[in-house]
């Protein structure tokens, strides 16, 4: 769809020109849709791939666990703490990656 859009946007240009303008090679990936930012500093913006999203597995809760039962209180506290820790780690990674792009 991106190829169709780019060729429709530039009907008087050839396929080679369209490819060099919009599609780049980044690392091991070919045909990465990218464009330069027109604001001062001129950094490159690229379209993310699904493989750029890290896989985060969910944690199952034990079947017998009851959040209203006092004997499971420590279990749920540890569960919530691990959720908060994972959330903070992912937030810090996003912040660091955003800062490194600037």
Foldseek 3Di string as FASTA:
>chain_A
DVLVVQCVVPVPDDPVVSCVAAWQDDDPDGGWGKHWDPDPPTAIDTDDDPVVDDDDDDDDDDPPDDCVDPVCVVVVVVVVVVVVVVVVVVVVVVVVVVVVRD
